[in-house]
Amino acid sequence: MNIVPIVFAFNYKVAMPAGVCFTSLLRSAKPDTFYDMFIIHGPGELNEEYQRQLTVLKETYPNCNFTFLDIGDAFNDVYIARGVPKLTYYRILIPELIENYDKVIFSDVDIIFTNDLFEVYDTFNDNNYLGAVRSALVKRKYVESLGCNPDDYTNGGFQLYNLKQIRKDKMTPKLKELCGKKFFYLDQDITNIIYKGRVKFLSPRYNSTQTFFNKAHTRDTAFFKLFTQKEIEEGIDPYVIHYNGVNPWQGLCPRHDIWWAVYRSSIYFNEEFYYAHYHKILTPKAKDLINQLPKAILKKPFGKIYRKFFPY
């Protein structure tokens, strides 16, 4: 049996999307892959009922185990912005929380998996701290101000951690030291700063973001310098689809249909939620259109100014 430890951190607000994410993960597993799943949360963020709603997946997919890790009041003083919850920092504690593995996968839950993950996990064997995919778009001057190379800056949605090396070199305290500082990309900046030069760059197929998908189809010159043709082809046909930005359960976005196909066939399907979502899209209210109008008007003719005030 090929055991793959994989870690998530989220709260009750995205318990349903997490269940859909888990469904795609377990459904895509090969017969000899077993996922040892760890869910990190804080007090009140994921109560027993929400946990039960997730662990019921074992009845359909026995190739998994669930462990819930409550970290208490850690990270109460971290910097947060743009509505991103503090739980985005929880991954920093993985080397301390999960001591029985030398390496693990970390993943966000706004993701759909389309293939087995054992190969990428098994081949992560060097002395790098991190395995991750380069970001398709960053604020270049800002990233340079951090002392990082914008072309080597990685996205935090899907990562592999070399826990053995991180523990050996005592890297976790260095990460914690930066948690109270104001970084635009929060813990993602911290990871890139501390692990700089010790990163194995993964194929974009393991974290194909909405930005990657859009850039690949608009023939962006800078984008095609960052990734090879082979990498672009792999990112267009990914194993890990990352819905960063607009989430498919909230609005329209690239590959929206793939998420909904998994949702519809999952145990989390709710016909009323499904109807309400598409009714909202097909018959938008006037106030929703009016709210979107300023962005629609400003985005193209004043792109640079727009991105300064609306970076996402």
Protein backbone atom coordinates (compact mmCIF):
# COMPACT_ATOMS: atom_id res chain seq x y z
CA MET A 1 0.00 0.00 0.00
CA ASN A 2 1.32 3.46 -0.96
CA ILE A 3 0.57 5.83 1.91
CA VAL A 4 0.37 9.54 1.13
CA PRO A 5 0.01 11.96 4.06
CA ILE A 6 -1.84 15.11 3.04
CA VAL A 7 -2.69 18.11 5.23
CA PHE A 8 -5.46 20.71 4.98
CA ALA A 9 -6.41 23.74 7.09
CA PHE A 10 -9.88 25.26 6.92
CA ASN A 11 -12.99 26.14 8.94
CA TYR A 12 -16.71 25.35 8.85
CA LYS A 13 -17.40 28.08 6.29
CA VAL A 14 -15.87 25.93 3.56
CA ALA A 15 -16.70 22.49 4.96
CA MET A 16 -18.86 21.62 1.96
CA PRO A 17 -16.25 22.66 -0.65
CA ALA A 18 -13.69 20.75 1.42
CA GLY A 19 -15.88 17.67 1.16
CA VAL A 20 -16.04 18.09 -2.62
CA CYS A 21 -12.25 18.50 -2.70
CA PHE A 22 -11.82 15.32 -0.63
CA THR A 23 -14.25 13.47 -2.89
CA SER A 24 -12.14 14.31 -5.94
CA LEU A 25 -8.97 13.28 -4.12
CA LEU A 26 -10.27 9.88 -3.02
CA ARG A 27 -12.07 9.19 -6.28
CA SER A 28 -8.88 9.83 -8.26
CA ALA A 29 -6.71 7.56 -6.13
CA LYS A 30 -5.19 4.41 -7.56
CA PRO A 31 -6.27 1.13 -5.91
CA ASP A 32 -2.99 0.88 -3.96
CA THR A 33 -2.94 4.51 -2.70
CA PHE A 34 -4.05 5.32 0.84
CA TYR A 35 -4.46 8.95 1.92
CA ASP A 36 -3.64 9.73 5.55
CA MET A 37 -5.52 13.02 5.86
CA PHE A 38 -4.86 15.64 8.52
CA ILE A 39 -7.16 18.64 9.04
CA ILE A 40 -5.75 21.50 11.10
CA HIS A 41 -8.21 23.88 12.75
CA GLY A 42 -8.62 26.19 15.71
CA PRO A 43 -11.19 26.32 18.55
CA GLY A 44 -14.75 26.56 17.21
CA GLU A 45 -13.62 26.43 13.60
CA LEU A 46 -14.67 22.84 12.87
CA ASN A 47 -16.93 21.22 15.44
CA GLU A 48 -17.80 17.53 15.73
CA GLU A 49 -20.80 17.75 13.40
CA TYR A 50 -18.73 19.26 10.61
CA GLN A 51 -16.06 16.65 11.23
CA ARG A 52 -18.68 13.91 10.97
CA GLN A 53 -19.89 15.31 7.65
CA LEU A 54 -16.36 14.89 6.31
CA THR A 55 -15.40 11.54 7.82
CA VAL A 56 -18.56 9.93 6.45
CA LEU A 57 -16.63 9.77 3.17
CA LYS A 58 -14.83 6.73 4.58
CA GLU A 59 -18.02 4.73 4.07
CA THR A 60 -17.69 5.25 0.31
CA TYR A 61 -13.90 5.53 0.07
CA PRO A 62 -12.15 3.27 2.61
CA ASN A 63 -8.72 4.24 1.23
CA CYS A 64 -8.30 7.06 3.75
CA ASN A 65 -8.02 8.08 7.37
CA PHE A 66 -8.96 11.39 9.01
CA THR A 67 -7.13 13.08 11.90
CA PHE A 68 -8.34 16.45 13.19
CA LEU A 69 -5.75 18.64 14.89
CA ASP A 70 -6.95 21.53 17.07
CA ILE A 71 -4.05 23.96 17.54
CA GLY A 72 -5.73 26.11 20.19
CA ASP A 73 -5.06 29.82 20.15
CA ALA A 74 -1.94 29.77 17.99
CA PHE A 75 -1.54 32.66 15.55
CA ASN A 76 -3.91 35.04 17.34
CA ASP A 77 -1.52 37.92 16.65
CA VAL A 78 -0.75 37.29 12.98
CA TYR A 79 -1.32 39.86 10.25
CA ILE A 80 -4.41 39.19 8.12
CA ALA A 81 -5.83 41.14 5.20
CA ARG A 82 -8.46 41.08 2.44
CA GLY A 83 -10.68 38.70 4.42
CA VAL A 84 -8.14 35.85 4.43
CA PRO A 85 -8.54 34.01 7.78
CA LYS A 86 -5.63 33.38 10.12
CA LEU A 87 -5.82 29.66 9.41
CA THR A 88 -3.73 30.27 6.30
CA TYR A 89 -0.76 30.34 8.73
CA TYR A 90 -1.55 26.97 10.32
CA ARG A 91 0.61 25.09 7.81
CA ILE A 92 3.69 26.58 9.48
CA LEU A 93 3.12 24.21 12.41
CA ILE A 94 3.02 21.03 10.31
CA PRO A 95 6.59 19.92 11.18
CA GLU A 96 5.67 20.11 14.89
CA LEU A 97 2.18 18.64 14.61
CA ILE A 98 2.91 15.66 12.38
CA GLU A 99 5.98 13.92 13.70
CA ASN A 100 5.47 10.45 12.22
CA TYR A 101 6.23 11.49 8.62
CA ASP A 102 9.39 12.85 7.01
CA LYS A 103 7.46 14.56 4.22
CA VAL A 104 3.84 15.56 3.57
CA ILE A 105 1.64 17.26 1.02
CA PHE A 106 -0.25 20.42 1.98
CA SER A 107 -3.27 21.52 -0.06
CA ASP A 108 -5.93 24.20 -0.01
CA VAL A 109 -9.53 23.02 -0.35
CA ASP A 110 -10.54 25.27 -3.27
CA ILE A 111 -9.12 22.48 -5.39
CA ILE A 112 -10.26 19.58 -7.55
CA PHE A 113 -7.92 16.61 -7.96
CA THR A 114 -8.07 14.66 -11.21
CA ASN A 115 -5.27 12.16 -10.66
CA ASP A 116 -3.38 10.16 -8.05
CA LEU A 117 -0.70 12.00 -6.00
CA PHE A 118 1.64 9.17 -5.02
CA GLU A 119 4.13 9.82 -7.81
CA VAL A 120 4.73 13.49 -6.97
CA TYR A 121 4.95 12.59 -3.27
CA ASP A 122 7.28 9.64 -3.81
CA THR A 123 9.74 11.54 -6.04
CA PHE A 124 10.20 14.44 -3.59
CA ASN A 125 13.42 13.07 -2.08
CA ASP A 126 16.13 15.76 -2.24
CA ASN A 127 17.27 18.15 0.48
CA ASN A 128 14.97 20.99 -0.54
CA TYR A 129 12.55 22.26 2.07
CA LEU A 130 9.66 22.82 -0.31
CA GLY A 131 8.11 21.50 -3.48
CA ALA A 132 5.76 23.95 -5.22
CA VAL A 133 4.66 25.46 -8.53
CA ARG A 134 5.81 28.86 -9.74
CA SER A 135 3.15 31.58 -9.59
CA ALA A 136 1.86 32.60 -13.01
CA LEU A 137 1.52 36.23 -11.95
CA VAL A 138 3.02 38.24 -9.10
CA LYS A 139 3.61 41.87 -8.19
CA ARG A 140 7.20 41.85 -9.44
CA LYS A 141 8.55 44.95 -7.72
CA TYR A 142 6.96 43.90 -4.46
CA VAL A 143 8.42 40.38 -4.63
CA GLU A 144 11.85 41.85 -5.43
CA SER A 145 11.53 44.06 -2.34
CA LEU A 146 11.29 40.84 -0.29
CA GLY A 147 14.64 39.72 -1.66
CA CYS A 148 12.99 37.07 -3.84
CA ASN A 149 13.17 36.40 -7.56
CA PRO A 150 9.68 36.96 -9.07
CA ASP A 151 10.31 34.14 -11.55
CA ASP A 152 10.94 31.71 -8.69
CA TYR A 153 8.06 32.83 -6.47
CA THR A 154 5.71 29.94 -5.73
CA ASN A 155 2.00 29.63 -5.05
CA GLY A 156 0.94 28.15 -1.68
CA GLY A 157 -2.16 26.27 -2.84
CA PHE A 158 -0.38 22.93 -3.23
CA GLN A 159 2.97 22.22 -1.58
CA LEU A 160 5.23 19.38 -0.50
CA TYR A 161 7.14 19.82 2.76
CA ASN A 162 10.41 18.06 3.57
CA LEU A 163 9.67 17.79 7.28
CA LYS A 164 12.86 15.91 8.07
CA GLN A 165 15.05 18.67 6.63
CA ILE A 166 12.89 21.45 8.09
CA ARG A 167 13.19 19.93 11.56
CA LYS A 168 16.91 19.27 11.17
CA ASP A 169 17.64 22.88 10.22
CA LYS A 170 15.16 24.31 12.75
CA MET A 171 13.26 26.32 10.15
CA THR A 172 9.88 26.59 11.89
CA PRO A 173 11.01 29.23 14.44
CA LYS A 174 12.29 31.34 11.52
CA LEU A 175 8.88 31.18 9.88
CA LYS A 176 7.11 32.08 13.13
CA GLU A 177 9.29 35.16 13.60
CA LEU A 178 7.81 36.72 10.46
CA CYS A 179 4.15 35.95 11.18
CA GLY A 180 3.40 39.31 12.82
CA LYS A 181 4.82 41.37 9.95
CA LYS A 182 2.67 42.87 7.22
CA PHE A 183 3.21 40.92 4.01
CA PHE A 184 0.87 41.38 1.06
CA TYR A 185 0.66 37.65 0.31
CA LEU A 186 0.73 36.74 4.02
CA ASP A 187 2.16 33.29 4.82
CA GLN A 188 2.94 32.70 1.14
CA ASP A 189 5.48 35.53 1.29
CA ILE A 190 6.97 34.09 4.46
CA THR A 191 7.39 30.65 2.88
CA ASN A 192 9.06 32.15 -0.18
CA ILE A 193 11.42 34.28 1.93
CA ILE A 194 12.53 31.53 4.32
CA TYR A 195 12.72 28.64 1.84
CA LYS A 196 14.31 30.68 -0.96
CA GLY A 197 16.92 28.66 -2.83
CA ARG A 198 15.71 25.36 -1.37
CA VAL A 199 12.64 24.77 -3.53
CA LYS A 200 11.91 21.98 -5.98
CA PHE A 201 9.76 23.48 -8.71
CA LEU A 202 6.88 21.20 -9.62
CA SER A 203 5.08 20.93 -12.92
CA PRO A 204 2.10 23.32 -13.19
CA ARG A 205 -0.08 20.22 -13.49
CA TYR A 206 0.16 20.09 -9.67
CA ASN A 207 -1.26 23.57 -9.10
CA SER A 208 -3.01 24.92 -12.16
CA THR A 209 -4.48 28.21 -10.99
CA GLN A 210 -7.10 30.36 -12.66
CA THR A 211 -4.35 32.83 -13.52
CA PHE A 212 -2.29 30.09 -15.17
CA PHE A 213 -5.29 28.92 -17.20
CA ASN A 214 -6.09 32.45 -18.39
CA LYS A 215 -2.48 33.32 -19.25
CA ALA A 216 -2.01 30.07 -21.16
CA HIS A 217 -4.94 30.99 -23.40
CA THR A 218 -4.06 34.66 -23.98
CA ARG A 219 -0.50 34.07 -25.23
CA ASP A 220 1.03 36.36 -22.61
CA THR A 221 4.70 36.91 -23.53
CA ALA A 222 6.08 37.00 -19.97
CA PHE A 223 4.11 33.87 -19.12
CA PHE A 224 5.61 31.93 -22.01
CA LYS A 225 9.11 32.87 -20.84
CA LEU A 226 8.36 31.60 -17.33
CA PHE A 227 7.08 28.15 -18.37
CA THR A 228 8.18 25.73 -21.07
CA GLN A 229 5.75 24.54 -23.69
CA LYS A 230 5.67 21.12 -22.01
CA GLU A 231 4.82 22.72 -18.64
CA ILE A 232 2.07 24.80 -20.22
CA GLU A 233 0.54 21.75 -21.85
CA GLU A 234 0.64 19.92 -18.50
CA GLY A 235 -0.92 22.91 -16.71
CA ILE A 236 -3.79 23.03 -19.19
CA ASP A 237 -4.48 19.34 -18.50
CA PRO A 238 -3.78 19.32 -14.74
CA TYR A 239 -3.89 16.85 -11.88
CA VAL A 240 -4.61 19.68 -9.42
CA ILE A 241 -7.07 22.41 -10.43
CA HIS A 242 -6.77 25.39 -8.08
CA TYR A 243 -9.74 27.77 -7.97
CA ASN A 244 -7.91 30.74 -6.48
CA GLY A 245 -9.87 33.94 -6.95
CA VAL A 246 -13.58 33.48 -7.67
CA ASN A 247 -14.75 30.15 -6.28
CA PRO A 248 -17.01 28.02 -8.51
CA TRP A 249 -19.60 27.56 -5.77
CA GLN A 250 -19.95 31.35 -5.56
CA GLY A 251 -19.75 32.53 -9.17
CA LEU A 252 -18.48 31.87 -12.67
CA CYS A 253 -14.80 31.15 -13.21
CA PRO A 254 -12.56 29.10 -15.53
CA ARG A 255 -13.30 25.34 -15.26
CA HIS A 256 -16.38 26.12 -13.19
CA ASP A 257 -18.11 23.12 -14.77
CA ILE A 258 -15.50 20.62 -13.50
CA TRP A 259 -16.10 21.54 -9.85
CA TRP A 260 -19.86 21.31 -10.28
CA ALA A 261 -19.60 17.90 -11.96
CA VAL A 262 -17.81 16.57 -8.87
CA TYR A 263 -20.27 18.31 -6.55
CA ARG A 264 -23.31 16.91 -8.36
CA SER A 265 -22.02 13.34 -8.03
CA SER A 266 -20.87 13.73 -4.41
CA ILE A 267 -22.71 13.01 -1.16
CA TYR A 268 -22.78 16.79 -0.56
CA PHE A 269 -25.10 17.54 -3.47
CA ASN A 270 -28.06 19.69 -2.50
CA GLU A 271 -30.63 20.40 -5.20
CA GLU A 272 -31.80 23.69 -3.67
CA PHE A 273 -28.23 25.02 -3.46
CA TYR A 274 -27.61 23.92 -7.05
CA TYR A 275 -30.77 25.63 -8.30
CA ALA A 276 -30.12 28.83 -6.33
CA HIS A 277 -26.60 29.10 -7.72
CA TYR A 278 -27.61 28.83 -11.36
CA HIS A 279 -30.71 30.95 -10.86
CA LYS A 280 -28.48 33.74 -9.54
CA ILE A 281 -26.18 33.45 -12.57
CA LEU A 282 -28.93 33.20 -15.18
CA THR A 283 -31.19 35.86 -13.67
CA PRO A 284 -28.90 38.34 -11.89
CA LYS A 285 -30.46 41.09 -9.84
CA ALA A 286 -29.98 44.69 -10.92
CA LYS A 287 -27.93 45.52 -7.80
CA ASP A 288 -25.48 42.72 -8.60
CA LEU A 289 -24.94 44.06 -12.10
CA ILE A 290 -24.54 47.60 -10.81
CA ASN A 291 -21.93 46.45 -8.27
CA GLN A 292 -19.91 44.84 -11.07
CA LEU A 293 -20.22 47.79 -13.45
CA PRO A 294 -17.39 49.96 -12.06
CA LYS A 295 -14.91 47.08 -12.31
CA ALA A 296 -16.08 46.18 -15.81
CA ILE A 297 -15.65 49.79 -16.97
CA LEU A 298 -12.29 50.41 -15.36
CA LYS A 299 -10.54 47.10 -15.86
CA LYS A 300 -9.48 47.38 -19.50
CA PRO A 301 -8.76 51.08 -20.19
CA PHE A 302 -7.21 51.68 -16.80
CA GLY A 303 -5.67 48.26 -16.16
CA LYS A 304 -2.61 49.41 -14.21
CA ILE A 305 -4.61 51.69 -11.95
CA TYR A 306 -7.30 49.04 -11.53
CA ARG A 307 -4.79 46.36 -10.49
CA LYS A 308 -3.26 48.72 -7.97
CA PHE A 309 -6.55 49.01 -6.10
CA PHE A 310 -8.06 45.62 -7.02
CA PRO A 311 -5.08 43.22 -7.12
CA TYR A 312 -7.34 40.13 -7.26
